[in-house]
């Protein structure tokens, strides 16, 4: 195997890996059961008391 072949396989594998990782994270974010958690996190900075 030449360096070019190894490089191409590594690039394609990395692209596939990070593509799947992105889809998994995006799917987790948009699950209905996580809605309350993310709404609470979005309001967190506004809900803090000034001290």
PDB file of N, CA and C in Angstrom:
ATOM      1  N   UNK A   1       0.850  -1.188   0.000  1.00  0.00           N
ATOM      2  CA  UNK A   1       0.000   0.000   0.000  1.00  0.00           C
ATOM      3  C   UNK A   1       0.886   1.238   0.000  1.00  0.00           C
ATOM      4  N   UNK A   2       0.501   2.175  -0.814  1.00  0.00           N
ATOM      5  CA  UNK A   2       1.264   3.413  -0.872  1.00  0.00           C
ATOM      6  C   UNK A   2       0.694   4.424   0.123  1.00  0.00           C
ATOM      7  N   UNK A   3       1.456   5.457   0.352  1.00  0.00           N
ATOM      8  CA  UNK A   3       1.027   6.507   1.271  1.00  0.00           C
ATOM      9  C   UNK A   3      -0.276   7.148   0.797  1.00  0.00           C
ATOM     10  N   UNK A   4      -0.434   7.316  -0.504  1.00  0.00           N
ATOM     11  CA  UNK A   4      -1.630   7.949  -1.047  1.00  0.00           C
ATOM     12  C   UNK A   4      -2.880   7.132  -0.742  1.00  0.00           C
ATOM     13  N   UNK A   5      -2.780   5.823  -0.840  1.00  0.00           N
ATOM     14  CA  UNK A   5      -3.919   4.948  -0.566  1.00  0.00           C
ATOM     15  C   UNK A   5      -4.271   5.011   0.918  1.00  0.00           C
ATOM     16  N   UNK A   6      -3.255   4.922   1.769  1.00  0.00           N
ATOM     17  CA  UNK A   6      -3.483   4.985   3.210  1.00  0.00           C
ATOM     18  C   UNK A   6      -4.097   6.330   3.588  1.00  0.00           C
ATOM     19  N   UNK A   7      -3.592   7.404   2.996  1.00  0.00           N
ATOM     20  CA  UNK A   7      -4.105   8.743   3.268  1.00  0.00           C
ATOM     21  C   UNK A   7      -5.565   8.868   2.853  1.00  0.00           C
ATOM     22  N   UNK A   8      -5.903   8.357   1.686  1.00  0.00           N
ATOM     23  CA  UNK A   8      -7.275   8.430   1.188  1.00  0.00           C
ATOM     24  C   UNK A   8      -8.224   7.638   2.079  1.00  0.00           C
ATOM     25  N   UNK A   9      -7.815   6.452   2.506  1.00  0.00           N
ATOM     26  CA  UNK A   9      -8.645   5.623   3.379  1.00  0.00           C
ATOM     27  C   UNK A   9      -8.847   6.323   4.718  1.00  0.00           C
ATOM     28  N   UNK A  10      -7.790   6.922   5.258  1.00  0.00           N
ATOM     29  CA  UNK A  10      -7.899   7.624   6.533  1.00  0.00           C
ATOM     30  C   UNK A  10      -8.815   8.839   6.404  1.00  0.00           C
ATOM     31  N   UNK A  11      -8.733   9.559   5.314  1.00  0.00           N
ATOM     32  CA  UNK A  11      -9.603  10.724   5.110  1.00  0.00           C
ATOM     33  C   UNK A  11     -11.061  10.297   5.016  1.00  0.00           C
ATOM     34  N   UNK A  12     -11.325   9.269   4.263  1.00  0.00           N
ATOM     35  CA  UNK A  12     -12.698   8.804   4.113  1.00  0.00           C
ATOM     36  C   UNK A  12     -13.231   8.231   5.419  1.00  0.00           C
ATOM     37  N   UNK A  13     -12.389   7.516   6.153  1.00  0.00           N
ATOM     38  CA  UNK A  13     -12.803   6.977   7.444  1.00  0.00           C
ATOM     39  C   UNK A  13     -13.101   8.083   8.437  1.00  0.00           C
ATOM     40  N   UNK A  14     -12.267   9.116   8.457  1.00  0.00           N
ATOM     41  CA  UNK A  14     -12.497  10.244   9.350  1.00  0.00           C
ATOM     42  C   UNK A  14     -13.762  10.989   9.005  1.00  0.00           C
ATOM     43  N   UNK A  15     -14.003  11.173   7.721  1.00  0.00           N
ATOM     44  CA  UNK A  15     -15.225  11.845   7.287  1.00  0.00           C
ATOM     45  C   UNK A  15     -16.454  11.042   7.701  1.00  0.00           C
ATOM     46  N   UNK A  16     -16.401   9.747   7.518  1.00  0.00           N
ATOM     47  CA  UNK A  16     -17.513   8.879   7.913  1.00  0.00           C
ATOM     48  C   UNK A  16     -17.714   8.920   9.428  1.00  0.00           C
ATOM     49  N   UNK A  17     -16.624   8.839  10.182  1.00  0.00           N
ATOM     50  CA  UNK A  17     -16.699   8.851  11.634  1.00  0.00           C
ATOM     51  C   UNK A  17     -17.325  10.148  12.144  1.00  0.00           C
ATOM     52  N   UNK A  18     -16.821  11.289  11.685  1.00  0.00           N
ATOM     53  CA  UNK A  18     -17.348  12.560  12.171  1.00  0.00           C
ATOM     54  C   UNK A  18     -18.749  12.848  11.632  1.00  0.00           C
ATOM     55  N   UNK A  19     -19.075  12.332  10.454  1.00  0.00           N
ATOM     56  CA  UNK A  19     -20.432  12.458   9.949  1.00  0.00           C
ATOM     57  C   UNK A  19     -21.420  11.702  10.812  1.00  0.00           C
ATOM     58  N   UNK A  20     -21.065  10.476  11.179  1.00  0.00           N
ATOM     59  CA  UNK A  20     -21.927   9.693  12.069  1.00  0.00           C
ATOM     60  C   UNK A  20     -22.022  10.328  13.452  1.00  0.00           C
ATOM     61  N   UNK A  21     -20.913  10.837  13.948  1.00  0.00           N
ATOM     62  CA  UNK A  21     -20.924  11.511  15.242  1.00  0.00           C
ATOM     63  C   UNK A  21     -21.851  12.721  15.216  1.00  0.00           C
ATOM     64  N   UNK A  22     -21.796  13.504  14.148  1.00  0.00           N
ATOM     65  CA  UNK A  22     -22.675  14.665  13.997  1.00  0.00           C
ATOM     66  C   UNK A  22     -24.138  14.236  13.993  1.00  0.00           C
ATOM     67  N   UNK A  23     -24.460  13.202  13.237  1.00  0.00           N
ATOM     68  CA  UNK A  23     -25.849  12.738  13.168  1.00  0.00           C
ATOM     69  C   UNK A  23     -26.343  12.236  14.518  1.00  0.00           C
ATOM     70  N   UNK A  24     -25.489  11.541  15.249  1.00  0.00           N
ATOM     71  CA  UNK A  24     -25.882  11.058  16.575  1.00  0.00           C
ATOM     72  C   UNK A  24     -26.127  12.218  17.540  1.00  0.00           C
ATOM     73  N   UNK A  25     -25.253  13.206  17.545  1.00  0.00           N
ATOM     74  CA  UNK A  25     -25.428  14.350  18.447  1.00  0.00           C
ATOM     75  C   UNK A  25     -26.657  15.157  18.047  1.00  0.00           C
ATOM     76  N   UNK A  26     -26.840  15.388  16.753  1.00  0.00           N
ATOM     77  CA  UNK A  26     -28.015  16.131  16.295  1.00  0.00           C
ATOM     78  C   UNK A  26     -29.298  15.375  16.637  1.00  0.00           C
ATOM     79  N   UNK A  27     -29.291  14.067  16.497  1.00  0.00           N
ATOM     80  CA  UNK A  27     -30.459  13.272  16.861  1.00  0.00           C
ATOM     81  C   UNK A  27     -30.748  13.334  18.346  1.00  0.00           C
ATOM     82  N   UNK A  28     -29.700  13.302  19.161  1.00  0.00           N
ATOM     83  CA  UNK A  28     -29.874  13.381  20.614  1.00  0.00           C
ATOM     84  C   UNK A  28     -30.434  14.736  21.025  1.00  0.00           C
ATOM     85  N   UNK A  29     -29.960  15.801  20.386  1.00  0.00           N
ATOM     86  CA  UNK A  29     -30.424  17.150  20.722  1.00  0.00           C
ATOM     87  C   UNK A  29     -31.914  17.307  20.419  1.00  0.00           C
ATOM     88  N   UNK A  30     -32.380  16.725  19.340  1.00  0.00           N
ATOM     89  CA  UNK A  30     -33.758  16.930  18.916  1.00  0.00           C
ATOM     90  C   UNK A  30     -34.732  15.869  19.431  1.00  0.00           C
ATOM     91  N   UNK A  31     -34.295  15.012  20.339  1.00  0.00           N
ATOM     92  CA  UNK A  31     -35.228  14.072  20.955  1.00  0.00           C
ATOM     93  C   UNK A  31     -36.218  14.843  21.826  1.00  0.00           C
ATOM     94  N   UNK A  32     -37.494  14.513  21.753  1.00  0.00           N
ATOM     95  CA  UNK A  32     -38.497  15.243  22.540  1.00  0.00           C
ATOM     96  C   UNK A  32     -38.244  15.194  24.044  1.00  0.00           C
ATOM     97  N   UNK A  33     -37.674  14.118  24.546  1.00  0.00           N
ATOM     98  CA  UNK A  33     -37.451  14.033  25.988  1.00  0.00           C
ATOM     99  C   UNK A  33     -36.380  14.998  26.488  1.00  0.00           C
ATOM    100  N   UNK A  34     -35.555  15.550  25.597  1.00  0.00           N
ATOM    101  CA  UNK A  34     -34.510  16.493  25.998  1.00  0.00           C
ATOM    102  C   UNK A  34     -34.959  17.945  25.918  1.00  0.00           C
ATOM    103  N   UNK A  35     -36.176  18.188  25.472  1.00  0.00           N
ATOM    104  CA  UNK A  35     -36.646  19.552  25.268  1.00  0.00           C
ATOM    105  C   UNK A  35     -36.604  20.380  26.551  1.00  0.00           C
ATOM    106  N   UNK A  36     -37.082  19.822  27.646  1.00  0.00           N
ATOM    107  CA  UNK A  36     -37.122  20.556  28.907  1.00  0.00           C
ATOM    108  C   UNK A  36     -35.711  20.915  29.385  1.00  0.00           C
ATOM    109  N   UNK A  37     -34.780  20.009  29.224  1.00  0.00           N
ATOM    110  CA  UNK A  37     -33.403  20.251  29.640  1.00  0.00           C
ATOM    111  C   UNK A  37     -32.792  21.416  28.877  1.00  0.00           C
ATOM    112  N   UNK A  38     -32.989  21.445  27.558  1.00  0.00           N
ATOM    113  CA  UNK A  38     -32.401  22.505  26.749  1.00  0.00           C
ATOM    114  C   UNK A  38     -33.121  23.836  26.950  1.00  0.00           C
ATOM    115  N   UNK A  39     -34.414  23.808  27.210  1.00  0.00           N
ATOM    116  CA  UNK A  39     -35.123  25.053  27.515  1.00  0.00           C
ATOM    117  C   UNK A  39     -34.615  25.649  28.828  1.00  0.00           C
ATOM    118  N   UNK A  40     -34.388  24.796  29.816  1.00  0.00           N
ATOM    119  CA  UNK A  40     -33.853  25.263  31.096  1.00  0.00           C
ATOM    120  C   UNK A  40     -32.437  25.829  30.918  1.00  0.00           C
ATOM    121  N   UNK A  41     -31.626  25.192  30.111  1.00  0.00           N
ATOM    122  CA  UNK A  41     -30.268  25.675  29.858  1.00  0.00           C
ATOM    123  C   UNK A  41     -30.291  27.008  29.107  1.00  0.00           C
ATOM    124  N   UNK A  42     -31.252  27.196  28.204  1.00  0.00           N
ATOM    125  CA  UNK A  42     -31.348  28.445  27.456  1.00  0.00           C
ATOM    126  C   UNK A  42     -31.724  29.614  28.355  1.00  0.00           C
ATOM    127  N   UNK A  43     -32.511  29.351  29.393  1.00  0.00           N
ATOM    128  CA  UNK A  43     -32.930  30.409  30.318  1.00  0.00           C
ATOM    129  C   UNK A  43     -31.966  30.622  31.475  1.00  0.00           C
ATOM    130  N   UNK A  44     -30.976  29.767  31.619  1.00  0.00           N
ATOM    131  CA  UNK A  44     -30.110  29.778  32.790  1.00  0.00           C
ATOM    132  C   UNK A  44     -29.447  31.139  33.029  1.00  0.00           C
ATOM    133  N   UNK A  45     -28.918  31.754  32.007  1.00  0.00           N
ATOM    134  CA  UNK A  45     -28.245  33.052  32.184  1.00  0.00           C
ATOM    135  C   UNK A  45     -29.229  34.147  32.572  1.00  0.00           C
ATOM    136  N   UNK A  46     -30.461  34.040  32.137  1.00  0.00           N
ATOM    137  CA  UNK A  46     -31.455  35.057  32.452  1.00  0.00           C
ATOM    138  C   UNK A  46     -32.065  34.876  33.832  1.00  0.00           C
ATOM    139  N   UNK A  47     -32.038  33.654  34.349  1.00  0.00           N
ATOM    140  CA  UNK A  47     -32.666  33.352  35.622  1.00  0.00           C
ATOM    141  C   UNK A  47     -31.767  33.640  36.831  1.00  0.00           C
ATOM    142  N   UNK A  48     -30.484  33.858  36.614  1.00  0.00           N
ATOM    143  CA  UNK A  48     -29.573  34.082  37.722  1.00  0.00           C
ATOM    144  C   UNK A  48     -29.857  35.431  38.378  1.00  0.00           C
ATOM    145  N   UNK A  49     -29.773  35.455  39.702  1.00  0.00           N
ATOM    146  CA  UNK A  49     -29.977  36.695  40.450  1.00  0.00           C
ATOM    147  C   UNK A  49     -28.711  37.542  40.395  1.00  0.00           C
ATOM    148  N   UNK A  50     -28.889  38.865  40.338  1.00  0.00           N
ATOM    149  CA  UNK A  50     -27.759  39.779  40.409  1.00  0.00           C
ATOM    150  C   UNK A  50     -27.327  39.906  41.859  1.00  0.00           C
ATOM    151  N   UNK A  51     -26.068  39.633  42.132  1.00  0.00           N
ATOM    152  CA  UNK A  51     -25.582  39.705  43.512  1.00  0.00           C
ATOM    153  C   UNK A  51     -24.397  40.618  43.591  1.00  0.00           C
TER     154      UNK A  51
END
